[in-house]
Amino acid sequence: MDGLNLVVLADRAENDGSYRRQSKLDNQKDGGRLGLEQSLETAALFSLAGANCVVLHRWAVDFRMLGEFVAGFSASLGSGKMVCEGLKEFKEKKLGGERGLKMRNKYNVLCVGLPQMSLQGGK
């Protein structure tokens, strides 16, 4: 992963059916392997492999919320904003209005590494 600037993991989306399937799969894994699938451990592995910044969810979200996150965050990054600005903008847009974020979703996204990084190199 030489030169990898940003990793955005759009995972941890679930519904009742996928939660049951994942629970069955997790029962077949040992504790060490399950531990490596946690947010902080995953971010640490990507950092050790050379990623400068890792953005991922700490716990499960529904598919609608994940889709809104991917669309909003990627639009912010595409406009030249820094990673931290893109995350802040997404949260502010979702917190306002009648369809605001649940409080647990406000703190769900984890950013490890260089949040001041911009993909267009300007900032």
PDB file of N, CA and C in Angstrom:
ATOM      1  N   MET A   1       0.817  -1.187   0.000  1.00  0.00           N
ATOM      2  CA  MET A   1       0.000   0.000   0.000  1.00  0.00           C
ATOM      3  C   MET A   1       0.861   1.251   0.000  1.00  0.00           C
ATOM      4  N   ASP A   2       1.903   1.260  -0.739  1.00  0.00           N
ATOM      5  CA  ASP A   2       2.799   2.397  -0.790  1.00  0.00           C
ATOM      6  C   ASP A   2       2.086   3.604  -1.388  1.00  0.00           C
ATOM      7  N   GLY A   3       2.103   4.720  -0.690  1.00  0.00           N
ATOM      8  CA  GLY A   3       1.498   5.934  -1.185  1.00  0.00           C
ATOM      9  C   GLY A   3      -0.005   6.018  -1.002  1.00  0.00           C
ATOM     10  N   LEU A   4      -0.598   5.161  -0.206  1.00  0.00           N
ATOM     11  CA  LEU A   4      -2.039   5.192   0.022  1.00  0.00           C
ATOM     12  C   LEU A   4      -2.373   6.324   0.981  1.00  0.00           C
ATOM     13  N   ASN A   5      -3.136   7.300   0.529  1.00  0.00           N
ATOM     14  CA  ASN A   5      -3.449   8.449   1.361  1.00  0.00           C
ATOM     15  C   ASN A   5      -4.662   8.238   2.252  1.00  0.00           C
ATOM     16  N   LEU A   6      -5.737   7.719   1.702  1.00  0.00           N
ATOM     17  CA  LEU A   6      -7.000   7.662   2.437  1.00  0.00           C
ATOM     18  C   LEU A   6      -7.689   6.323   2.221  1.00  0.00           C
ATOM     19  N   VAL A   7      -8.136   5.729   3.331  1.00  0.00           N
ATOM     20  CA  VAL A   7      -8.962   4.521   3.287  1.00  0.00           C
ATOM     21  C   VAL A   7     -10.303   4.886   3.915  1.00  0.00           C
ATOM     22  N   VAL A   8     -11.385   4.713   3.172  1.00  0.00           N
ATOM     23  CA  VAL A   8     -12.729   4.923   3.702  1.00  0.00           C
ATOM     24  C   VAL A   8     -13.429   3.569   3.653  1.00  0.00           C
ATOM     25  N   LEU A   9     -13.690   3.010   4.822  1.00  0.00           N
ATOM     26  CA  LEU A   9     -14.372   1.723   4.900  1.00  0.00           C
ATOM     27  C   LEU A   9     -15.863   1.967   5.090  1.00  0.00           C
ATOM     28  N   ALA A  10     -16.620   1.702   4.072  1.00  0.00           N
ATOM     29  CA  ALA A  10     -18.069   1.857   4.134  1.00  0.00           C
ATOM     30  C   ALA A  10     -18.658   0.479   4.422  1.00  0.00           C
ATOM     31  N   ASP A  11     -18.561   0.072   5.677  1.00  0.00           N
ATOM     32  CA  ASP A  11     -19.066  -1.234   6.071  1.00  0.00           C
ATOM     33  C   ASP A  11     -19.879  -1.078   7.353  1.00  0.00           C
ATOM     34  N   ARG A  12     -20.133  -2.167   7.993  1.00  0.00           N
ATOM     35  CA  ARG A  12     -20.905  -2.225   9.230  1.00  0.00           C
ATOM     36  C   ARG A  12     -22.367  -1.827   9.039  1.00  0.00           C
ATOM     37  N   ALA A  13     -22.872  -1.986   7.821  1.00  0.00           N
ATOM     38  CA  ALA A  13     -24.295  -1.763   7.585  1.00  0.00           C
ATOM     39  C   ALA A  13     -25.014  -3.083   7.815  1.00  0.00           C
ATOM     40  N   GLU A  14     -26.129  -3.011   8.495  1.00  0.00           N
ATOM     41  CA  GLU A  14     -26.845  -4.258   8.772  1.00  0.00           C
ATOM     42  C   GLU A  14     -28.333  -4.021   8.910  1.00  0.00           C
ATOM     43  N   ASN A  15     -29.065  -5.098   8.736  1.00  0.00           N
ATOM     44  CA  ASN A  15     -30.481  -5.178   9.057  1.00  0.00           C
ATOM     45  C   ASN A  15     -30.666  -6.459   9.864  1.00  0.00           C
ATOM     46  N   ASP A  16     -31.868  -6.827  10.179  1.00  0.00           N
ATOM     47  CA  ASP A  16     -32.087  -7.999  11.027  1.00  0.00           C
ATOM     48  C   ASP A  16     -31.523  -9.282  10.417  1.00  0.00           C
ATOM     49  N   GLY A  17     -31.750  -9.470   9.119  1.00  0.00           N
ATOM     50  CA  GLY A  17     -31.269 -10.683   8.463  1.00  0.00           C
ATOM     51  C   GLY A  17     -29.753 -10.762   8.414  1.00  0.00           C
ATOM     52  N   SER A  18     -29.108  -9.658   8.062  1.00  0.00           N
ATOM     53  CA  SER A  18     -27.645  -9.676   7.981  1.00  0.00           C
ATOM     54  C   SER A  18     -27.025  -9.803   9.367  1.00  0.00           C
ATOM     55  N   TYR A  19     -27.692  -9.254  10.379  1.00  0.00           N
ATOM     56  CA  TYR A  19     -27.179  -9.377  11.752  1.00  0.00           C
ATOM     57  C   TYR A  19     -27.189 -10.846  12.198  1.00  0.00           C
ATOM     58  N   ARG A  20     -28.261 -11.555  11.864  1.00  0.00           N
ATOM     59  CA  ARG A  20     -28.338 -12.980  12.222  1.00  0.00           C
ATOM     60  C   ARG A  20     -27.270 -13.797  11.488  1.00  0.00           C
ATOM     61  N   ARG A  21     -27.096 -13.521  10.199  1.00  0.00           N
ATOM     62  CA  ARG A  21     -26.070 -14.240   9.424  1.00  0.00           C
ATOM     63  C   ARG A  21     -24.678 -13.977   9.984  1.00  0.00           C
ATOM     64  N   GLN A  22     -24.380 -12.707  10.304  1.00  0.00           N
ATOM     65  CA  GLN A  22     -23.063 -12.379  10.826  1.00  0.00           C
ATOM     66  C   GLN A  22     -22.841 -13.004  12.203  1.00  0.00           C
ATOM     67  N   SER A  23     -23.872 -13.081  13.010  1.00  0.00           N
ATOM     68  CA  SER A  23     -23.749 -13.711  14.328  1.00  0.00           C
ATOM     69  C   SER A  23     -23.387 -15.189  14.186  1.00  0.00           C
ATOM     70  N   LYS A  24     -23.986 -15.876  13.225  1.00  0.00           N
ATOM     71  CA  LYS A  24     -23.654 -17.282  12.994  1.00  0.00           C
ATOM     72  C   LYS A  24     -22.205 -17.434  12.553  1.00  0.00           C
ATOM     73  N   LEU A  25     -21.748 -16.543  11.660  1.00  0.00           N
ATOM     74  CA  LEU A  25     -20.353 -16.596  11.211  1.00  0.00           C
ATOM     75  C   LEU A  25     -19.384 -16.285  12.352  1.00  0.00           C
ATOM     76  N   ASP A  26     -19.733 -15.323  13.192  1.00  0.00           N
ATOM     77  CA  ASP A  26     -18.859 -14.939  14.296  1.00  0.00           C
ATOM     78  C   ASP A  26     -18.715 -16.056  15.330  1.00  0.00           C
ATOM     79  N   ASN A  27     -19.735 -16.889  15.462  1.00  0.00           N
ATOM     80  CA  ASN A  27     -19.651 -18.004  16.406  1.00  0.00           C
ATOM     81  C   ASN A  27     -18.589 -19.022  16.009  1.00  0.00           C
ATOM     82  N   GLN A  28     -18.205 -19.031  14.750  1.00  0.00           N
ATOM     83  CA  GLN A  28     -17.210 -19.984  14.263  1.00  0.00           C
ATOM     84  C   GLN A  28     -15.789 -19.435  14.323  1.00  0.00           C
ATOM     85  N   LYS A  29     -15.621 -18.184  14.746  1.00  0.00           N
ATOM     86  CA  LYS A  29     -14.295 -17.562  14.792  1.00  0.00           C
ATOM     87  C   LYS A  29     -13.763 -17.566  16.217  1.00  0.00           C
ATOM     88  N   ASP A  30     -12.443 -17.591  16.339  1.00  0.00           N
ATOM     89  CA  ASP A  30     -11.857 -17.487  17.682  1.00  0.00           C
ATOM     90  C   ASP A  30     -11.757 -16.012  18.087  1.00  0.00           C
ATOM     91  N   GLY A  31     -11.456 -15.783  19.351  1.00  0.00           N
ATOM     92  CA  GLY A  31     -11.419 -14.431  19.897  1.00  0.00           C
ATOM     93  C   GLY A  31     -10.399 -13.528  19.232  1.00  0.00           C
ATOM     94  N   GLY A  32      -9.252 -14.078  18.852  1.00  0.00           N
ATOM     95  CA  GLY A  32      -8.223 -13.277  18.194  1.00  0.00           C
ATOM     96  C   GLY A  32      -8.667 -12.729  16.854  1.00  0.00           C
ATOM     97  N   ARG A  33      -9.320 -13.564  16.085  1.00  0.00           N
ATOM     98  CA  ARG A  33      -9.796 -13.112  14.777  1.00  0.00           C
ATOM     99  C   ARG A  33     -10.934 -12.105  14.925  1.00  0.00           C
ATOM    100  N   LEU A  34     -11.828 -12.338  15.866  1.00  0.00           N
ATOM    101  CA  LEU A  34     -12.904 -11.374  16.100  1.00  0.00           C
ATOM    102  C   LEU A  34     -12.345 -10.027  16.540  1.00  0.00           C
ATOM    103  N   GLY A  35     -11.292 -10.071  17.370  1.00  0.00           N
ATOM    104  CA  GLY A  35     -10.674  -8.834  17.839  1.00  0.00           C
ATOM    105  C   GLY A  35     -10.100  -8.005  16.713  1.00  0.00           C
ATOM    106  N   LEU A  36      -9.552  -8.642  15.691  1.00  0.00           N
ATOM    107  CA  LEU A  36      -8.978  -7.914  14.562  1.00  0.00           C
ATOM    108  C   LEU A  36     -10.034  -7.255  13.684  1.00  0.00           C
ATOM    109  N   GLU A  37     -11.281  -7.661  13.834  1.00  0.00           N
ATOM    110  CA  GLU A  37     -12.359  -7.085  13.038  1.00  0.00           C
ATOM    111  C   GLU A  37     -12.987  -5.854  13.691  1.00  0.00           C
ATOM    112  N   GLN A  38     -12.500  -5.453  14.843  1.00  0.00           N
ATOM    113  CA  GLN A  38     -13.022  -4.265  15.517  1.00  0.00           C
ATOM    114  C   GLN A  38     -12.464  -2.998  14.869  1.00  0.00           C
ATOM    115  N   SER A  39     -13.104  -1.863  15.082  1.00  0.00           N
ATOM    116  CA  SER A  39     -12.761  -0.609  14.412  1.00  0.00           C
ATOM    117  C   SER A  39     -11.331  -0.164  14.648  1.00  0.00           C
ATOM    118  N   LEU A  40     -10.935  -0.043  15.895  1.00  0.00           N
ATOM    119  CA  LEU A  40      -9.603   0.466  16.193  1.00  0.00           C
ATOM    120  C   LEU A  40      -8.510  -0.463  15.681  1.00  0.00           C
ATOM    121  N   GLU A  41      -8.733  -1.752  15.790  1.00  0.00           N
ATOM    122  CA  GLU A  41      -7.754  -2.711  15.307  1.00  0.00           C
ATOM    123  C   GLU A  41      -7.628  -2.669  13.789  1.00  0.00           C
ATOM    124  N   THR A  42      -8.753  -2.528  13.105  1.00  0.00           N
ATOM    125  CA  THR A  42      -8.744  -2.417  11.654  1.00  0.00           C
ATOM    126  C   THR A  42      -7.999  -1.161  11.217  1.00  0.00           C
ATOM    127  N   ALA A  43      -8.274  -0.040  11.882  1.00  0.00           N
ATOM    128  CA  ALA A  43      -7.583   1.212  11.560  1.00  0.00           C
ATOM    129  C   ALA A  43      -6.086   1.084  11.816  1.00  0.00           C
ATOM    130  N   ALA A  44      -5.718   0.412  12.905  1.00  0.00           N
ATOM    131  CA  ALA A  44      -4.292   0.228  13.215  1.00  0.00           C
ATOM    132  C   ALA A  44      -3.604  -0.610  12.150  1.00  0.00           C
ATOM    133  N   LEU A  45      -4.264  -1.657  11.672  1.00  0.00           N
ATOM    134  CA  LEU A  45      -3.675  -2.503  10.620  1.00  0.00           C
ATOM    135  C   LEU A  45      -3.471  -1.713   9.325  1.00  0.00           C
ATOM    136  N   PHE A  46      -4.441  -0.897   8.941  1.00  0.00           N
ATOM    137  CA  PHE A  46      -4.281  -0.074   7.744  1.00  0.00           C
ATOM    138  C   PHE A  46      -3.156   0.947   7.933  1.00  0.00           C
ATOM    139  N   SER A  47      -3.063   1.531   9.123  1.00  0.00           N
ATOM    140  CA  SER A  47      -1.989   2.489   9.400  1.00  0.00           C
ATOM    141  C   SER A  47      -0.626   1.820   9.318  1.00  0.00           C
ATOM    142  N   LEU A  48      -0.517   0.631   9.888  1.00  0.00           N
ATOM    143  CA  LEU A  48       0.745  -0.103   9.819  1.00  0.00           C
ATOM    144  C   LEU A  48       1.106  -0.478   8.384  1.00  0.00           C
ATOM    145  N   ALA A  49       0.089  -0.665   7.557  1.00  0.00           N
ATOM    146  CA  ALA A  49       0.329  -1.018   6.163  1.00  0.00           C
ATOM    147  C   ALA A  49       0.648   0.207   5.303  1.00  0.00           C
ATOM    148  N   GLY A  50       0.579   1.415   5.883  1.00  0.00           N
ATOM    149  CA  GLY A  50       0.989   2.608   5.153  1.00  0.00           C
ATOM    150  C   GLY A  50      -0.091   3.614   4.840  1.00  0.00           C
ATOM    151  N   ALA A  51      -1.320   3.395   5.263  1.00  0.00           N
ATOM    152  CA  ALA A  51      -2.382   4.367   5.000  1.00  0.00           C
ATOM    153  C   ALA A  51      -2.185   5.600   5.876  1.00  0.00           C
ATOM    154  N   ASN A  52      -2.307   6.771   5.280  1.00  0.00           N
ATOM    155  CA  ASN A  52      -2.134   8.011   6.027  1.00  0.00           C
ATOM    156  C   ASN A  52      -3.362   8.382   6.853  1.00  0.00           C
ATOM    157  N   CYS A  53      -4.538   8.029   6.373  1.00  0.00           N
ATOM    158  CA  CYS A  53      -5.777   8.374   7.075  1.00  0.00           C
ATOM    159  C   CYS A  53      -6.793   7.256   6.845  1.00  0.00           C
ATOM    160  N   VAL A  54      -7.478   6.852   7.906  1.00  0.00           N
ATOM    161  CA  VAL A  54      -8.489   5.792   7.832  1.00  0.00           C
ATOM    162  C   VAL A  54      -9.792   6.342   8.411  1.00  0.00           C
ATOM    163  N   VAL A  55     -10.872   6.244   7.645  1.00  0.00           N
ATOM    164  CA  VAL A  55     -12.199   6.673   8.088  1.00  0.00           C
ATOM    165  C   VAL A  55     -13.097   5.442   8.066  1.00  0.00           C
ATOM    166  N   LEU A  56     -13.709   5.128   9.207  1.00  0.00           N
ATOM    167  CA  LEU A  56     -14.582   3.959   9.291  1.00  0.00           C
ATOM    168  C   LEU A  56     -15.613   4.151  10.391  1.00  0.00           C
ATOM    169  N   HIS A  57     -16.618   3.295  10.384  1.00  0.00           N
ATOM    170  CA  HIS A  57     -17.661   3.336  11.403  1.00  0.00           C
ATOM    171  C   HIS A  57     -17.252   2.494  12.605  1.00  0.00           C
ATOM    172  N   ARG A  58     -17.613   2.965  13.781  1.00  0.00           N
ATOM    173  CA  ARG A  58     -17.285   2.250  15.013  1.00  0.00           C
ATOM    174  C   ARG A  58     -18.278   1.129  15.287  1.00  0.00           C
ATOM    175  N   TRP A  59     -19.527   1.334  14.951  1.00  0.00           N
ATOM    176  CA  TRP A  59     -20.544   0.305  15.175  1.00  0.00           C
ATOM    177  C   TRP A  59     -21.549   0.340  14.031  1.00  0.00           C
ATOM    178  N   ALA A  60     -22.446  -0.615  14.020  1.00  0.00           N
ATOM    179  CA  ALA A  60     -23.345  -0.837  12.885  1.00  0.00           C
ATOM    180  C   ALA A  60     -24.322   0.318  12.670  1.00  0.00           C
ATOM    181  N   VAL A  61     -24.641   0.530  11.400  1.00  0.00           N
ATOM    182  CA  VAL A  61     -25.643   1.509  10.993  1.00  0.00           C
ATOM    183  C   VAL A  61     -26.583   0.822  10.013  1.00  0.00           C
ATOM    184  N   ASP A  62     -27.721   1.478   9.728  1.00  0.00           N
ATOM    185  CA  ASP A  62     -28.606   0.897   8.722  1.00  0.00           C
ATOM    186  C   ASP A  62     -28.118   1.291   7.324  1.00  0.00           C
ATOM    187  N   PHE A  63     -28.640   0.616   6.324  1.00  0.00           N
ATOM    188  CA  PHE A  63     -28.182   0.815   4.959  1.00  0.00           C
ATOM    189  C   PHE A  63     -28.439   2.237   4.465  1.00  0.00           C
ATOM    190  N   ARG A  64     -29.559   2.840   4.857  1.00  0.00           N
ATOM    191  CA  ARG A  64     -29.880   4.196   4.439  1.00  0.00           C
ATOM    192  C   ARG A  64     -28.843   5.183   4.956  1.00  0.00           C
ATOM    193  N   MET A  65     -28.491   5.062   6.231  1.00  0.00           N
ATOM    194  CA  MET A  65     -27.515   5.969   6.822  1.00  0.00           C
ATOM    195  C   MET A  65     -26.146   5.798   6.168  1.00  0.00           C
ATOM    196  N   LEU A  66     -25.768   4.570   5.881  1.00  0.00           N
ATOM    197  CA  LEU A  66     -24.474   4.332   5.240  1.00  0.00           C
ATOM    198  C   LEU A  66     -24.447   4.950   3.840  1.00  0.00           C
ATOM    199  N   GLY A  67     -25.529   4.812   3.114  1.00  0.00           N
ATOM    200  CA  GLY A  67     -25.608   5.414   1.777  1.00  0.00           C
ATOM    201  C   GLY A  67     -25.512   6.928   1.830  1.00  0.00           C
ATOM    202  N   GLU A  68     -26.187   7.531   2.794  1.00  0.00           N
ATOM    203  CA  GLU A  68     -26.124   8.985   2.945  1.00  0.00           C
ATOM    204  C   GLU A  68     -24.717   9.435   3.333  1.00  0.00           C
ATOM    205  N   PHE A  69     -24.054   8.649   4.174  1.00  0.00           N
ATOM    206  CA  PHE A  69     -22.688   8.983   4.566  1.00  0.00           C
ATOM    207  C   PHE A  69     -21.750   8.942   3.359  1.00  0.00           C
ATOM    208  N   VAL A  70     -21.824   7.876   2.587  1.00  0.00           N
ATOM    209  CA  VAL A  70     -20.937   7.731   1.427  1.00  0.00           C
ATOM    210  C   VAL A  70     -21.175   8.872   0.438  1.00  0.00           C
ATOM    211  N   ALA A  71     -22.428   9.181   0.150  1.00  0.00           N
ATOM    212  CA  ALA A  71     -22.737  10.250  -0.809  1.00  0.00           C
ATOM    213  C   ALA A  71     -22.271  11.606  -0.293  1.00  0.00           C
ATOM    214  N   GLY A  72     -22.587  11.918   0.962  1.00  0.00           N
ATOM    215  CA  GLY A  72     -22.239  13.225   1.514  1.00  0.00           C
ATOM    216  C   GLY A  72     -20.748  13.413   1.713  1.00  0.00           C
ATOM    217  N   PHE A  73     -20.090  12.407   2.243  1.00  0.00           N
ATOM    218  CA  PHE A  73     -18.660  12.510   2.513  1.00  0.00           C
ATOM    219  C   PHE A  73     -17.853  12.549   1.221  1.00  0.00           C
ATOM    220  N   SER A  74     -18.206  11.714   0.249  1.00  0.00           N
ATOM    221  CA  SER A  74     -17.456  11.719  -1.012  1.00  0.00           C
ATOM    222  C   SER A  74     -17.664  13.029  -1.775  1.00  0.00           C
ATOM    223  N   ALA A  75     -18.855  13.626  -1.666  1.00  0.00           N
ATOM    224  CA  ALA A  75     -19.081  14.929  -2.307  1.00  0.00           C
ATOM    225  C   ALA A  75     -18.202  15.996  -1.670  1.00  0.00           C
ATOM    226  N   SER A  76     -18.051  15.951  -0.352  1.00  0.00           N
ATOM    227  CA  SER A  76     -17.189  16.915   0.341  1.00  0.00           C
ATOM    228  C   SER A  76     -15.737  16.746  -0.078  1.00  0.00           C
ATOM    229  N   LEU A  77     -15.281  15.509  -0.156  1.00  0.00           N
ATOM    230  CA  LEU A  77     -13.897  15.269  -0.558  1.00  0.00           C
ATOM    231  C   LEU A  77     -13.672  15.663  -2.012  1.00  0.00           C
ATOM    232  N   GLY A  78     -14.662  15.448  -2.850  1.00  0.00           N
ATOM    233  CA  GLY A  78     -14.542  15.803  -4.259  1.00  0.00           C
ATOM    234  C   GLY A  78     -14.455  17.303  -4.488  1.00  0.00           C
ATOM    235  N   SER A  79     -14.976  18.076  -3.540  1.00  0.00           N
ATOM    236  CA  SER A  79     -14.918  19.532  -3.682  1.00  0.00           C
ATOM    237  C   SER A  79     -13.634  20.117  -3.104  1.00  0.00           C
ATOM    238  N   GLY A  80     -12.703  19.258  -2.687  1.00  0.00           N
ATOM    239  CA  GLY A  80     -11.402  19.731  -2.238  1.00  0.00           C
ATOM    240  C   GLY A  80     -11.282  19.992  -0.752  1.00  0.00           C
ATOM    241  N   LYS A  81     -12.291  19.640   0.014  1.00  0.00           N
ATOM    242  CA  LYS A  81     -12.228  19.861   1.457  1.00  0.00           C
ATOM    243  C   LYS A  81     -11.291  18.845   2.107  1.00  0.00           C
ATOM    244  N   MET A  82     -10.790  19.213   3.284  1.00  0.00           N
ATOM    245  CA  MET A  82      -9.985  18.282   4.063  1.00  0.00           C
ATOM    246  C   MET A  82     -10.896  17.205   4.632  1.00  0.00           C
ATOM    247  N   VAL A  83     -10.307  16.091   5.031  1.00  0.00           N
ATOM    248  CA  VAL A  83     -11.078  14.969   5.561  1.00  0.00           C
ATOM    249  C   VAL A  83     -11.900  15.407   6.771  1.00  0.00           C
ATOM    250  N   CYS A  84     -11.281  16.121   7.706  1.00  0.00           N
ATOM    251  CA  CYS A  84     -12.001  16.553   8.910  1.00  0.00           C
ATOM    252  C   CYS A  84     -13.140  17.516   8.554  1.00  0.00           C
ATOM    253  N   GLU A  85     -12.939  18.389   7.558  1.00  0.00           N
ATOM    254  CA  GLU A  85     -14.005  19.299   7.129  1.00  0.00           C
ATOM    255  C   GLU A  85     -15.156  18.525   6.505  1.00  0.00           C
ATOM    256  N   GLY A  86     -14.834  17.508   5.716  1.00  0.00           N
ATOM    257  CA  GLY A  86     -15.870  16.695   5.097  1.00  0.00           C
ATOM    258  C   GLY A  86     -16.715  15.957   6.121  1.00  0.00           C
ATOM    259  N   LEU A  87     -16.065  15.413   7.146  1.00  0.00           N
ATOM    260  CA  LEU A  87     -16.805  14.728   8.214  1.00  0.00           C
ATOM    261  C   LEU A  87     -17.673  15.706   8.988  1.00  0.00           C
ATOM    262  N   LYS A  88     -17.119  16.866   9.305  1.00  0.00           N
ATOM    263  CA  LYS A  88     -17.871  17.871  10.054  1.00  0.00           C
ATOM    264  C   LYS A  88     -19.067  18.363   9.249  1.00  0.00           C
ATOM    265  N   GLU A  89     -18.863  18.598   7.966  1.00  0.00           N
ATOM    266  CA  GLU A  89     -19.949  19.058   7.104  1.00  0.00           C
ATOM    267  C   GLU A  89     -21.068  18.028   7.029  1.00  0.00           C
ATOM    268  N   PHE A  90     -20.703  16.760   6.888  1.00  0.00           N
ATOM    269  CA  PHE A  90     -21.713  15.705   6.844  1.00  0.00           C
ATOM    270  C   PHE A  90     -22.524  15.678   8.129  1.00  0.00           C
ATOM    271  N   LYS A  91     -21.851  15.737   9.267  1.00  0.00           N
ATOM    272  CA  LYS A  91     -22.550  15.682  10.553  1.00  0.00           C
ATOM    273  C   LYS A  91     -23.450  16.888  10.754  1.00  0.00           C
ATOM    274  N   GLU A  92     -22.989  18.074  10.361  1.00  0.00           N
ATOM    275  CA  GLU A  92     -23.798  19.279  10.532  1.00  0.00           C
ATOM    276  C   GLU A  92     -25.040  19.251   9.658  1.00  0.00           C
ATOM    277  N   LYS A  93     -24.900  18.777   8.435  1.00  0.00           N
ATOM    278  CA  LYS A  93     -26.061  18.685   7.552  1.00  0.00           C
ATOM    279  C   LYS A  93     -27.076  17.687   8.094  1.00  0.00           C
ATOM    280  N   LYS A  94     -26.597  16.568   8.637  1.00  0.00           N
ATOM    281  CA  LYS A  94     -27.491  15.529   9.127  1.00  0.00           C
ATOM    282  C   LYS A  94     -28.085  15.869  10.489  1.00  0.00           C
ATOM    283  N   LEU A  95     -27.400  16.697  11.279  1.00  0.00           N
ATOM    284  CA  LEU A  95     -27.923  17.046  12.596  1.00  0.00           C
ATOM    285  C   LEU A  95     -29.068  18.039  12.503  1.00  0.00           C
ATOM    286  N   GLY A  96     -29.073  18.873  11.488  1.00  0.00           N
ATOM    287  CA  GLY A  96     -30.130  19.858  11.331  1.00  0.00           C
ATOM    288  C   GLY A  96     -31.362  19.249  10.703  1.00  0.00           C
ATOM    289  N   GLY A  97     -32.444  19.977  10.748  1.00  0.00           N
ATOM    290  CA  GLY A  97     -33.663  19.545  10.076  1.00  0.00           C
ATOM    291  C   GLY A  97     -34.430  18.500  10.863  1.00  0.00           C
ATOM    292  N   GLU A  98     -35.497  18.051  10.262  1.00  0.00           N
ATOM    293  CA  GLU A  98     -36.374  17.108  10.953  1.00  0.00           C
ATOM    294  C   GLU A  98     -35.849  15.683  10.936  1.00  0.00           C
ATOM    295  N   ARG A  99     -34.938  15.366  10.006  1.00  0.00           N
ATOM    296  CA  ARG A  99     -34.393  14.013   9.937  1.00  0.00           C
ATOM    297  C   ARG A  99     -32.983  13.982  10.524  1.00  0.00           C
ATOM    298  N   GLY A 100     -32.785  14.619  11.637  1.00  0.00           N
ATOM    299  CA  GLY A 100     -31.458  14.705  12.228  1.00  0.00           C
ATOM    300  C   GLY A 100     -30.915  13.356  12.658  1.00  0.00           C
ATOM    301  N   LEU A 101     -29.603  13.300  12.816  1.00  0.00           N
ATOM    302  CA  LEU A 101     -28.942  12.077  13.261  1.00  0.00           C
ATOM    303  C   LEU A 101     -29.346  11.706  14.678  1.00  0.00           C
ATOM    304  N   LYS A 102     -29.453  10.436  14.933  1.00  0.00           N
ATOM    305  CA  LYS A 102     -29.564   9.982  16.305  1.00  0.00           C
ATOM    306  C   LYS A 102     -28.228  10.268  16.975  1.00  0.00           C
ATOM    307  N   MET A 103     -28.225  10.518  18.256  1.00  0.00           N
ATOM    308  CA  MET A 103     -27.013  10.903  18.949  1.00  0.00           C
ATOM    309  C   MET A 103     -25.910   9.851  18.798  1.00  0.00           C
ATOM    310  N   ARG A 104     -26.272   8.576  18.766  1.00  0.00           N
ATOM    311  CA  ARG A 104     -25.245   7.544  18.638  1.00  0.00           C
ATOM    312  C   ARG A 104     -24.573   7.595  17.274  1.00  0.00           C
ATOM    313  N   ASN A 105     -25.285   8.020  16.236  1.00  0.00           N
ATOM    314  CA  ASN A 105     -24.695   8.123  14.909  1.00  0.00           C
ATOM    315  C   ASN A 105     -23.784   9.331  14.771  1.00  0.00           C
ATOM    316  N   LYS A 106     -24.001  10.330  15.614  1.00  0.00           N
ATOM    317  CA  LYS A 106     -23.156  11.527  15.560  1.00  0.00           C
ATOM    318  C   LYS A 106     -21.703  11.174  15.851  1.00  0.00           C
ATOM    319  N   TYR A 107     -21.481  10.238  16.748  1.00  0.00           N
ATOM    320  CA  TYR A 107     -20.131   9.881  17.159  1.00  0.00           C
ATOM    321  C   TYR A 107     -19.673   8.547  16.576  1.00  0.00           C
ATOM    322  N   ASN A 108     -20.344   8.069  15.560  1.00  0.00           N
ATOM    323  CA  ASN A 108     -20.061   6.753  15.009  1.00  0.00           C
ATOM    324  C   ASN A 108     -18.831   6.733  14.110  1.00  0.00           C
ATOM    325  N   VAL A 109     -18.595   7.762  13.346  1.00  0.00           N
ATOM    326  CA  VAL A 109     -17.501   7.763  12.379  1.00  0.00           C
ATOM    327  C   VAL A 109     -16.181   8.033  13.086  1.00  0.00           C
ATOM    328  N   LEU A 110     -15.213   7.187  12.820  1.00  0.00           N
ATOM    329  CA  LEU A 110     -13.892   7.279  13.424  1.00  0.00           C
ATOM    330  C   LEU A 110     -12.896   7.673  12.341  1.00  0.00           C
ATOM    331  N   CYS A 111     -12.062   8.658  12.632  1.00  0.00           N
ATOM    332  CA  CYS A 111     -11.028   9.098  11.705  1.00  0.00           C
ATOM    333  C   CYS A 111      -9.685   8.956  12.407  1.00  0.00           C
ATOM    334  N   VAL A 112      -8.810   8.130  11.850  1.00  0.00           N
ATOM    335  CA  VAL A 112      -7.498   7.872  12.434  1.00  0.00           C
ATOM    336  C   VAL A 112      -6.444   8.306  11.428  1.00  0.00           C
ATOM    337  N   GLY A 113      -5.471   9.071  11.874  1.00  0.00           N
ATOM    338  CA  GLY A 113      -4.376   9.451  10.990  1.00  0.00           C
ATOM    339  C   GLY A 113      -4.291  10.942  10.788  1.00  0.00           C
ATOM    340  N   LEU A 114      -4.371  11.380   9.545  1.00  0.00           N
ATOM    341  CA  LEU A 114      -4.183  12.785   9.183  1.00  0.00           C
ATOM    342  C   LEU A 114      -5.497  13.411   8.725  1.00  0.00           C
ATOM    343  N   PRO A 115      -6.331  13.881   9.653  1.00  0.00           N
ATOM    344  CA  PRO A 115      -7.629  14.432   9.240  1.00  0.00           C
ATOM    345  C   PRO A 115      -7.501  15.768   8.504  1.00  0.00           C
ATOM    346  N   GLN A 116      -6.337  16.404   8.547  1.00  0.00           N
ATOM    347  CA  GLN A 116      -6.161  17.679   7.840  1.00  0.00           C
ATOM    348  C   GLN A 116      -5.774  17.474   6.375  1.00  0.00           C
ATOM    349  N   MET A 117      -5.684  16.231   5.951  1.00  0.00           N
ATOM    350  CA  MET A 117      -5.274  15.906   4.602  1.00  0.00           C
ATOM    351  C   MET A 117      -6.380  16.241   3.605  1.00  0.00           C
ATOM    352  N   SER A 118      -5.987  16.746   2.447  1.00  0.00           N
ATOM    353  CA  SER A 118      -6.911  17.001   1.348  1.00  0.00           C
ATOM    354  C   SER A 118      -6.477  16.135   0.174  1.00  0.00           C
ATOM    355  N   LEU A 119      -7.430  15.553  -0.532  1.00  0.00           N
ATOM    356  CA  LEU A 119      -7.088  14.678  -1.648  1.00  0.00           C
ATOM    357  C   LEU A 119      -6.593  15.456  -2.856  1.00  0.00           C
ATOM    358  N   GLN A 120      -6.897  16.759  -2.919  1.00  0.00           N
ATOM    359  CA  GLN A 120      -6.463  17.553  -4.049  1.00  0.00           C
ATOM    360  C   GLN A 120      -5.175  18.302  -3.758  1.00  0.00           C
ATOM    361  N   GLY A 121      -4.581  18.065  -2.592  1.00  0.00           N
ATOM    362  CA  GLY A 121      -3.268  18.584  -2.275  1.00  0.00           C
ATOM    363  C   GLY A 121      -3.171  20.066  -1.990  1.00  0.00           C
ATOM    364  N   GLY A 122      -4.288  20.778  -1.995  1.00  0.00           N
ATOM    365  CA  GLY A 122      -4.226  22.217  -1.808  1.00  0.00           C
ATOM    366  C   GLY A 122      -4.056  22.654  -0.377  1.00  0.00           C
ATOM    367  N   LYS A 123      -4.533  21.884   0.583  1.00  0.00           N
ATOM    368  CA  LYS A 123      -4.524  22.363   1.973  1.00  0.00           C
ATOM    369  C   LYS A 123      -3.558  21.585   2.816  1.00  0.00           C
TER     370      LYS A 123
END
